[in-house]
Amino acid sequence: MGGGENRLSGRSTDARHIPIGANSARLPAPEVVTDNSTSMNNNQNNVDVDREMSLLAKNQLSYNFYIQQINHDLKMLRTGIDGRA
């Protein structure tokens, strides 16, 4: 770690693969993005806990709905395959 040569190299079969080893120079540089469109609180944090919790609840309700829908569709599929109610 740190001083030796890089002997590990990956073979890429698709342009969308993440390069490993000598080809890793193709990786884009990281970029820090700051959101200045929201207001800061007294603690220098611009995260609105109430908004985040409402988004979390919305996400959980959507997840539960989709899981129920998939389970219902699978149940109907099994019923159609088995031929009984």
PDB file of N, CA and C in Angstrom:
ATOM      1  N   MET A   1       0.829  -1.181   0.000  1.00  0.00           N
ATOM      2  CA  MET A   1       0.000   0.000   0.000  1.00  0.00           C
ATOM      3  C   MET A   1       0.872   1.243   0.000  1.00  0.00           C
ATOM      4  N   GLY A   2       0.730   2.040  -1.005  1.00  0.00           N
ATOM      5  CA  GLY A   2       1.359   3.339  -0.994  1.00  0.00           C
ATOM      6  C   GLY A   2       2.633   3.467  -1.798  1.00  0.00           C
ATOM      7  N   GLY A   3       3.505   2.480  -1.807  1.00  0.00           N
ATOM      8  CA  GLY A   3       4.777   2.685  -2.465  1.00  0.00           C
ATOM      9  C   GLY A   3       5.021   1.773  -3.646  1.00  0.00           C
ATOM     10  N   GLY A   4       4.359   0.651  -3.679  1.00  0.00           N
ATOM     11  CA  GLY A   4       4.617  -0.321  -4.743  1.00  0.00           C
ATOM     12  C   GLY A   4       3.907   0.023  -6.027  1.00  0.00           C
ATOM     13  N   GLU A   5       4.262  -0.727  -7.049  1.00  0.00           N
ATOM     14  CA  GLU A   5       3.602  -0.505  -8.323  1.00  0.00           C
ATOM     15  C   GLU A   5       2.222  -1.154  -8.311  1.00  0.00           C
ATOM     16  N   ASN A   6       1.361  -0.663  -9.144  1.00  0.00           N
ATOM     17  CA  ASN A   6      -0.005  -1.150  -9.217  1.00  0.00           C
ATOM     18  C   ASN A   6      -0.041  -2.343 -10.179  1.00  0.00           C
ATOM     19  N   ARG A   7      -0.115  -3.549  -9.632  1.00  0.00           N
ATOM     20  CA  ARG A   7      -0.107  -4.747 -10.467  1.00  0.00           C
ATOM     21  C   ARG A   7      -1.513  -5.217 -10.819  1.00  0.00           C
ATOM     22  N   LEU A   8      -2.504  -4.671 -10.173  1.00  0.00           N
ATOM     23  CA  LEU A   8      -3.880  -5.082 -10.414  1.00  0.00           C
ATOM     24  C   LEU A   8      -4.450  -4.256 -11.556  1.00  0.00           C
ATOM     25  N   SER A   9      -4.968  -4.924 -12.563  1.00  0.00           N
ATOM     26  CA  SER A   9      -5.643  -4.190 -13.629  1.00  0.00           C
ATOM     27  C   SER A   9      -6.874  -4.986 -14.044  1.00  0.00           C
ATOM     28  N   GLY A  10      -7.929  -4.279 -14.323  1.00  0.00           N
ATOM     29  CA  GLY A  10      -9.179  -4.911 -14.725  1.00  0.00           C
ATOM     30  C   GLY A  10      -9.349  -4.868 -16.232  1.00  0.00           C
ATOM     31  N   ARG A  11     -10.103  -5.784 -16.736  1.00  0.00           N
ATOM     32  CA  ARG A  11     -10.407  -5.818 -18.166  1.00  0.00           C
ATOM     33  C   ARG A  11     -11.832  -5.324 -18.336  1.00  0.00           C
ATOM     34  N   SER A  12     -12.019  -4.329 -19.153  1.00  0.00           N
ATOM     35  CA  SER A  12     -13.323  -3.714 -19.375  1.00  0.00           C
ATOM     36  C   SER A  12     -13.929  -4.237 -20.667  1.00  0.00           C
ATOM     37  N   THR A  13     -15.131  -4.777 -20.577  1.00  0.00           N
ATOM     38  CA  THR A  13     -15.826  -5.257 -21.765  1.00  0.00           C
ATOM     39  C   THR A  13     -16.937  -4.315 -22.205  1.00  0.00           C
ATOM     40  N   ASP A  14     -17.134  -3.247 -21.419  1.00  0.00           N
ATOM     41  CA  ASP A  14     -18.170  -2.276 -21.729  1.00  0.00           C
ATOM     42  C   ASP A  14     -17.660  -0.909 -21.299  1.00  0.00           C
ATOM     43  N   ALA A  15     -17.970   0.123 -22.050  1.00  0.00           N
ATOM     44  CA  ALA A  15     -17.505   1.475 -21.729  1.00  0.00           C
ATOM     45  C   ALA A  15     -18.069   1.988 -20.412  1.00  0.00           C
ATOM     46  N   ARG A  16     -19.164   1.390 -19.943  1.00  0.00           N
ATOM     47  CA  ARG A  16     -19.781   1.846 -18.697  1.00  0.00           C
ATOM     48  C   ARG A  16     -19.178   1.203 -17.455  1.00  0.00           C
ATOM     49  N   HIS A  17     -18.244   0.257 -17.617  1.00  0.00           N
ATOM     50  CA  HIS A  17     -17.604  -0.379 -16.470  1.00  0.00           C
ATOM     51  C   HIS A  17     -16.687   0.606 -15.746  1.00  0.00           C
ATOM     52  N   ILE A  18     -16.539   0.412 -14.448  1.00  0.00           N
ATOM     53  CA  ILE A  18     -15.633   1.240 -13.670  1.00  0.00           C
ATOM     54  C   ILE A  18     -14.222   0.714 -13.880  1.00  0.00           C
ATOM     55  N   PRO A  19     -13.298   1.574 -14.316  1.00  0.00           N
ATOM     56  CA  PRO A  19     -11.945   1.102 -14.583  1.00  0.00           C
ATOM     57  C   PRO A  19     -11.200   0.733 -13.307  1.00  0.00           C
ATOM     58  N   ILE A  20     -10.356  -0.293 -13.379  1.00  0.00           N
ATOM     59  CA  ILE A  20      -9.560  -0.763 -12.255  1.00  0.00           C
ATOM     60  C   ILE A  20      -8.105  -0.771 -12.684  1.00  0.00           C
ATOM     61  N   GLY A  21      -7.218  -0.299 -11.819  1.00  0.00           N
ATOM     62  CA  GLY A  21      -5.789  -0.370 -12.085  1.00  0.00           C
ATOM     63  C   GLY A  21      -5.299   0.757 -12.962  1.00  0.00           C
ATOM     64  N   ALA A  22      -4.497   0.414 -13.973  1.00  0.00           N
ATOM     65  CA  ALA A  22      -3.854   1.420 -14.822  1.00  0.00           C
ATOM     66  C   ALA A  22      -4.869   2.279 -15.567  1.00  0.00           C
ATOM     67  N   ASN A  23      -6.038   1.745 -15.851  1.00  0.00           N
ATOM     68  CA  ASN A  23      -7.065   2.494 -16.581  1.00  0.00           C
ATOM     69  C   ASN A  23      -7.871   3.432 -15.695  1.00  0.00           C
ATOM     70  N   SER A  24      -7.536   3.471 -14.399  1.00  0.00           N
ATOM     71  CA  SER A  24      -8.362   4.266 -13.486  1.00  0.00           C
ATOM     72  C   SER A  24      -8.155   5.763 -13.662  1.00  0.00           C
ATOM     73  N   ALA A  25      -7.222   6.181 -14.498  1.00  0.00           N
ATOM     74  CA  ALA A  25      -7.038   7.605 -14.761  1.00  0.00           C
ATOM     75  C   ALA A  25      -8.227   8.185 -15.515  1.00  0.00           C
ATOM     76  N   ARG A  26      -9.048   7.326 -16.115  1.00  0.00           N
ATOM     77  CA  ARG A  26     -10.221   7.793 -16.857  1.00  0.00           C
ATOM     78  C   ARG A  26     -11.360   8.221 -15.945  1.00  0.00           C
ATOM     79  N   LEU A  27     -11.251   7.941 -14.649  1.00  0.00           N
ATOM     80  CA  LEU A  27     -12.329   8.277 -13.723  1.00  0.00           C
ATOM     81  C   LEU A  27     -12.485   9.788 -13.609  1.00  0.00           C
ATOM     82  N   PRO A  28     -13.708  10.279 -13.515  1.00  0.00           N
ATOM     83  CA  PRO A  28     -13.906  11.720 -13.336  1.00  0.00           C
ATOM     84  C   PRO A  28     -13.496  12.144 -11.924  1.00  0.00           C
ATOM     85  N   ALA A  29     -13.087  13.373 -11.791  1.00  0.00           N
ATOM     86  CA  ALA A  29     -12.697  13.909 -10.489  1.00  0.00           C
ATOM     87  C   ALA A  29     -13.945  14.194  -9.663  1.00  0.00           C
ATOM     88  N   PRO A  30     -13.871  14.004  -8.350  1.00  0.00           N
ATOM     89  CA  PRO A  30     -15.035  14.313  -7.508  1.00  0.00           C
ATOM     90  C   PRO A  30     -15.297  15.815  -7.481  1.00  0.00           C
ATOM     91  N   GLU A  31     -16.552  16.160  -7.260  1.00  0.00           N
ATOM     92  CA  GLU A  31     -16.953  17.563  -7.267  1.00  0.00           C
ATOM     93  C   GLU A  31     -17.855  17.823  -6.068  1.00  0.00           C
ATOM     94  N   VAL A  32     -17.543  18.854  -5.306  1.00  0.00           N
ATOM     95  CA  VAL A  32     -18.354  19.239  -4.152  1.00  0.00           C
ATOM     96  C   VAL A  32     -19.410  20.221  -4.627  1.00  0.00           C
ATOM     97  N   VAL A  33     -20.680  19.920  -4.318  1.00  0.00           N
ATOM     98  CA  VAL A  33     -21.788  20.785  -4.713  1.00  0.00           C
ATOM     99  C   VAL A  33     -22.473  21.281  -3.449  1.00  0.00           C
ATOM    100  N   THR A  34     -22.608  22.581  -3.319  1.00  0.00           N
ATOM    101  CA  THR A  34     -23.247  23.184  -2.155  1.00  0.00           C
ATOM    102  C   THR A  34     -24.579  23.773  -2.583  1.00  0.00           C
ATOM    103  N   ASP A  35     -25.628  23.441  -1.840  1.00  0.00           N
ATOM    104  CA  ASP A  35     -26.960  23.960  -2.118  1.00  0.00           C
ATOM    105  C   ASP A  35     -27.148  25.255  -1.344  1.00  0.00           C
ATOM    106  N   ASN A  36     -27.144  26.372  -2.046  1.00  0.00           N
ATOM    107  CA  ASN A  36     -27.326  27.674  -1.408  1.00  0.00           C
ATOM    108  C   ASN A  36     -28.754  28.180  -1.510  1.00  0.00           C
ATOM    109  N   SER A  37     -29.656  27.355  -2.032  1.00  0.00           N
ATOM    110  CA  SER A  37     -31.034  27.799  -2.219  1.00  0.00           C
ATOM    111  C   SER A  37     -31.883  27.633  -0.973  1.00  0.00           C
ATOM    112  N   THR A  38     -31.355  26.977   0.060  1.00  0.00           N
ATOM    113  CA  THR A  38     -32.119  26.795   1.295  1.00  0.00           C
ATOM    114  C   THR A  38     -31.507  27.630   2.404  1.00  0.00           C
ATOM    115  N   SER A  39     -32.304  27.901   3.423  1.00  0.00           N
ATOM    116  CA  SER A  39     -31.828  28.748   4.511  1.00  0.00           C
ATOM    117  C   SER A  39     -31.131  27.916   5.584  1.00  0.00           C
ATOM    118  N   MET A  40     -30.152  28.515   6.210  1.00  0.00           N
ATOM    119  CA  MET A  40     -29.411  27.860   7.284  1.00  0.00           C
ATOM    120  C   MET A  40     -30.147  28.029   8.605  1.00  0.00           C
ATOM    121  N   ASN A  41     -30.055  27.005   9.430  1.00  0.00           N
ATOM    122  CA  ASN A  41     -30.576  27.097  10.785  1.00  0.00           C
ATOM    123  C   ASN A  41     -29.507  27.692  11.690  1.00  0.00           C
ATOM    124  N   ASN A  42     -29.811  27.835  12.960  1.00  0.00           N
ATOM    125  CA  ASN A  42     -28.840  28.371  13.909  1.00  0.00           C
ATOM    126  C   ASN A  42     -27.639  27.448  14.077  1.00  0.00           C
ATOM    127  N   ASN A  43     -27.809  26.163  13.781  1.00  0.00           N
ATOM    128  CA  ASN A  43     -26.716  25.206  13.939  1.00  0.00           C
ATOM    129  C   ASN A  43     -25.902  25.045  12.660  1.00  0.00           C
ATOM    130  N   GLN A  44     -26.040  25.975  11.717  1.00  0.00           N
ATOM    131  CA  GLN A  44     -25.319  25.953  10.438  1.00  0.00           C
ATOM    132  C   GLN A  44     -25.658  24.733   9.589  1.00  0.00           C
ATOM    133  N   ASN A  45     -26.851  24.202   9.754  1.00  0.00           N
ATOM    134  CA  ASN A  45     -27.299  23.042   9.015  1.00  0.00           C
ATOM    135  C   ASN A  45     -28.553  23.437   8.250  1.00  0.00           C
ATOM    136  N   ASN A  46     -28.628  23.095   6.975  1.00  0.00           N
ATOM    137  CA  ASN A  46     -29.805  23.469   6.201  1.00  0.00           C
ATOM    138  C   ASN A  46     -30.750  22.291   5.972  1.00  0.00           C
ATOM    139  N   VAL A  47     -30.643  21.240   6.780  1.00  0.00           N
ATOM    140  CA  VAL A  47     -31.529  20.086   6.665  1.00  0.00           C
ATOM    141  C   VAL A  47     -32.793  20.359   7.462  1.00  0.00           C
ATOM    142  N   ASP A  48     -33.941  20.228   6.801  1.00  0.00           N
ATOM    143  CA  ASP A  48     -35.228  20.394   7.464  1.00  0.00           C
ATOM    144  C   ASP A  48     -35.721  19.015   7.894  1.00  0.00           C
ATOM    145  N   VAL A  49     -35.688  18.759   9.200  1.00  0.00           N
ATOM    146  CA  VAL A  49     -36.017  17.438   9.719  1.00  0.00           C
ATOM    147  C   VAL A  49     -37.472  17.079   9.413  1.00  0.00           C
ATOM    148  N   ASP A  50     -38.376  18.028   9.521  1.00  0.00           N
ATOM    149  CA  ASP A  50     -39.785  17.753   9.242  1.00  0.00           C
ATOM    150  C   ASP A  50     -39.991  17.352   7.780  1.00  0.00           C
ATOM    151  N   ARG A  51     -39.315  18.033   6.874  1.00  0.00           N
ATOM    152  CA  ARG A  51     -39.427  17.686   5.455  1.00  0.00           C
ATOM    153  C   ARG A  51     -38.837  16.303   5.199  1.00  0.00           C
ATOM    154  N   GLU A  52     -37.681  16.018   5.786  1.00  0.00           N
ATOM    155  CA  GLU A  52     -37.051  14.714   5.594  1.00  0.00           C
ATOM    156  C   GLU A  52     -37.933  13.593   6.140  1.00  0.00           C
ATOM    157  N   MET A  53     -38.570  13.811   7.277  1.00  0.00           N
ATOM    158  CA  MET A  53     -39.442  12.786   7.859  1.00  0.00           C
ATOM    159  C   MET A  53     -40.696  12.593   7.010  1.00  0.00           C
ATOM    160  N   SER A  54     -41.226  13.678   6.432  1.00  0.00           N
ATOM    161  CA  SER A  54     -42.404  13.521   5.564  1.00  0.00           C
ATOM    162  C   SER A  54     -42.022  12.783   4.278  1.00  0.00           C
ATOM    163  N   LEU A  55     -40.834  13.042   3.737  1.00  0.00           N
ATOM    164  CA  LEU A  55     -40.373  12.304   2.561  1.00  0.00           C
ATOM    165  C   LEU A  55     -40.145  10.837   2.895  1.00  0.00           C
ATOM    166  N   LEU A  56     -39.643  10.571   4.092  1.00  0.00           N
ATOM    167  CA  LEU A  56     -39.444   9.197   4.534  1.00  0.00           C
ATOM    168  C   LEU A  56     -40.777   8.465   4.641  1.00  0.00           C
ATOM    169  N   ALA A  57     -41.787   9.131   5.210  1.00  0.00           N
ATOM    170  CA  ALA A  57     -43.111   8.523   5.340  1.00  0.00           C
ATOM    171  C   ALA A  57     -43.726   8.269   3.957  1.00  0.00           C
ATOM    172  N   LYS A  58     -43.563   9.229   3.046  1.00  0.00           N
ATOM    173  CA  LYS A  58     -44.078   9.066   1.684  1.00  0.00           C
ATOM    174  C   LYS A  58     -43.405   7.879   1.000  1.00  0.00           C
ATOM    175  N   ASN A  59     -42.103   7.756   1.157  1.00  0.00           N
ATOM    176  CA  ASN A  59     -41.360   6.656   0.572  1.00  0.00           C
ATOM    177  C   ASN A  59     -41.816   5.316   1.157  1.00  0.00           C
ATOM    178  N   GLN A  60     -42.040   5.271   2.456  1.00  0.00           N
ATOM    179  CA  GLN A  60     -42.484   4.036   3.108  1.00  0.00           C
ATOM    180  C   GLN A  60     -43.877   3.633   2.628  1.00  0.00           C
ATOM    181  N   LEU A  61     -44.772   4.600   2.486  1.00  0.00           N
ATOM    182  CA  LEU A  61     -46.118   4.296   1.991  1.00  0.00           C
ATOM    183  C   LEU A  61     -46.068   3.788   0.551  1.00  0.00           C
ATOM    184  N   SER A  62     -45.238   4.406  -0.277  1.00  0.00           N
ATOM    185  CA  SER A  62     -45.098   3.947  -1.658  1.00  0.00           C
ATOM    186  C   SER A  62     -44.543   2.531  -1.700  1.00  0.00           C
ATOM    187  N   TYR A  63     -43.538   2.266  -0.894  1.00  0.00           N
ATOM    188  CA  TYR A  63     -42.943   0.933  -0.838  1.00  0.00           C
ATOM    189  C   TYR A  63     -43.984  -0.104  -0.429  1.00  0.00           C
ATOM    190  N   ASN A  64     -44.740   0.188   0.633  1.00  0.00           N
ATOM    191  CA  ASN A  64     -45.770  -0.752   1.095  1.00  0.00           C
ATOM    192  C   ASN A  64     -46.818  -0.996   0.023  1.00  0.00           C
ATOM    193  N   PHE A  65     -47.231   0.054  -0.684  1.00  0.00           N
ATOM    194  CA  PHE A  65     -48.217  -0.101  -1.750  1.00  0.00           C
ATOM    195  C   PHE A  65     -47.681  -1.009  -2.856  1.00  0.00           C
ATOM    196  N   TYR A  66     -46.449  -0.758  -3.287  1.00  0.00           N
ATOM    197  CA  TYR A  66     -45.875  -1.562  -4.374  1.00  0.00           C
ATOM    198  C   TYR A  66     -45.702  -3.015  -3.969  1.00  0.00           C
ATOM    199  N   ILE A  67     -45.296  -3.260  -2.737  1.00  0.00           N
ATOM    200  CA  ILE A  67     -45.144  -4.638  -2.258  1.00  0.00           C
ATOM    201  C   ILE A  67     -46.497  -5.338  -2.223  1.00  0.00           C
ATOM    202  N   GLN A  68     -47.535  -4.655  -1.744  1.00  0.00           N
ATOM    203  CA  GLN A  68     -48.878  -5.244  -1.727  1.00  0.00           C
ATOM    204  C   GLN A  68     -49.348  -5.536  -3.148  1.00  0.00           C
ATOM    205  N   GLN A  69     -49.067  -4.630  -4.072  1.00  0.00           N
ATOM    206  CA  GLN A  69     -49.489  -4.828  -5.457  1.00  0.00           C
ATOM    207  C   GLN A  69     -48.773  -6.018  -6.079  1.00  0.00           C
ATOM    208  N   ILE A  70     -47.479  -6.139  -5.847  1.00  0.00           N
ATOM    209  CA  ILE A  70     -46.716  -7.269  -6.385  1.00  0.00           C
ATOM    210  C   ILE A  70     -47.210  -8.575  -5.783  1.00  0.00           C
ATOM    211  N   ASN A  71     -47.451  -8.593  -4.470  1.00  0.00           N
ATOM    212  CA  ASN A  71     -47.970  -9.801  -3.828  1.00  0.00           C
ATOM    213  C   ASN A  71     -49.331 -10.190  -4.392  1.00  0.00           C
ATOM    214  N   HIS A  72     -50.189  -9.204  -4.643  1.00  0.00           N
ATOM    215  CA  HIS A  72     -51.503  -9.484  -5.219  1.00  0.00           C
ATOM    216  C   HIS A  72     -51.366 -10.055  -6.622  1.00  0.00           C
ATOM    217  N   ASP A  73     -50.472  -9.446  -7.423  1.00  0.00           N
ATOM    218  CA  ASP A  73     -50.273  -9.936  -8.793  1.00  0.00           C
ATOM    219  C   ASP A  73     -49.733 -11.365  -8.791  1.00  0.00           C
ATOM    220  N   LEU A  74     -48.805 -11.661  -7.894  1.00  0.00           N
ATOM    221  CA  LEU A  74     -48.270 -13.019  -7.804  1.00  0.00           C
ATOM    222  C   LEU A  74     -49.333 -14.015  -7.351  1.00  0.00           C
ATOM    223  N   LYS A  75     -50.186 -13.569  -6.426  1.00  0.00           N
ATOM    224  CA  LYS A  75     -51.277 -14.442  -5.962  1.00  0.00           C
ATOM    225  C   LYS A  75     -52.229 -14.746  -7.114  1.00  0.00           C
ATOM    226  N   MET A  76     -52.555 -13.735  -7.921  1.00  0.00           N
ATOM    227  CA  MET A  76     -53.442 -13.940  -9.065  1.00  0.00           C
ATOM    228  C   MET A  76     -52.787 -14.854 -10.098  1.00  0.00           C
ATOM    229  N   LEU A  77     -51.482 -14.701 -10.289  1.00  0.00           N
ATOM    230  CA  LEU A  77     -50.759 -15.552 -11.216  1.00  0.00           C
ATOM    231  C   LEU A  77     -50.759 -16.990 -10.754  1.00  0.00           C
ATOM    232  N   ARG A  78     -50.533 -17.217  -9.450  1.00  0.00           N
ATOM    233  CA  ARG A  78     -50.577 -18.580  -8.901  1.00  0.00           C
ATOM    234  C   ARG A  78     -51.972 -19.177  -9.034  1.00  0.00           C
ATOM    235  N   THR A  79     -52.991 -18.341  -8.790  1.00  0.00           N
ATOM    236  CA  THR A  79     -54.360 -18.819  -8.920  1.00  0.00           C
ATOM    237  C   THR A  79     -54.644 -19.212 -10.356  1.00  0.00           C
ATOM    238  N   GLY A  80     -54.176 -18.428 -11.309  1.00  0.00           N
ATOM    239  CA  GLY A  80     -54.395 -18.750 -12.720  1.00  0.00           C
ATOM    240  C   GLY A  80     -53.646 -20.027 -13.125  1.00  0.00           C
ATOM    241  N   ILE A  81     -52.466 -20.226 -12.583  1.00  0.00           N
ATOM    242  CA  ILE A  81     -51.696 -21.426 -12.926  1.00  0.00           C
ATOM    243  C   ILE A  81     -52.307 -22.672 -12.267  1.00  0.00           C
ATOM    244  N   ASP A  82     -52.691 -22.553 -11.007  1.00  0.00           N
ATOM    245  CA  ASP A  82     -53.271 -23.686 -10.290  1.00  0.00           C
ATOM    246  C   ASP A  82     -54.682 -23.989 -10.774  1.00  0.00           C
ATOM    247  N   GLY A  83     -55.410 -22.978 -11.229  1.00  0.00           N
ATOM    248  CA  GLY A  83     -56.759 -23.183 -11.722  1.00  0.00           C
ATOM    249  C   GLY A  83     -57.812 -23.300 -10.638  1.00  0.00           C
ATOM    250  N   ARG A  84     -57.519 -22.782  -9.481  1.00  0.00           N
ATOM    251  CA  ARG A  84     -58.521 -22.793  -8.392  1.00  0.00           C
ATOM    252  C   ARG A  84     -58.482 -21.495  -7.636  1.00  0.00           C
ATOM    253  N   ALA A  85     -59.537 -21.224  -6.934  1.00  0.00           N
ATOM    254  CA  ALA A  85     -59.653 -19.959  -6.209  1.00  0.00           C
ATOM    255  C   ALA A  85     -59.256 -20.077  -4.775  1.00  0.00           C
TER     256      ALA A  85
END
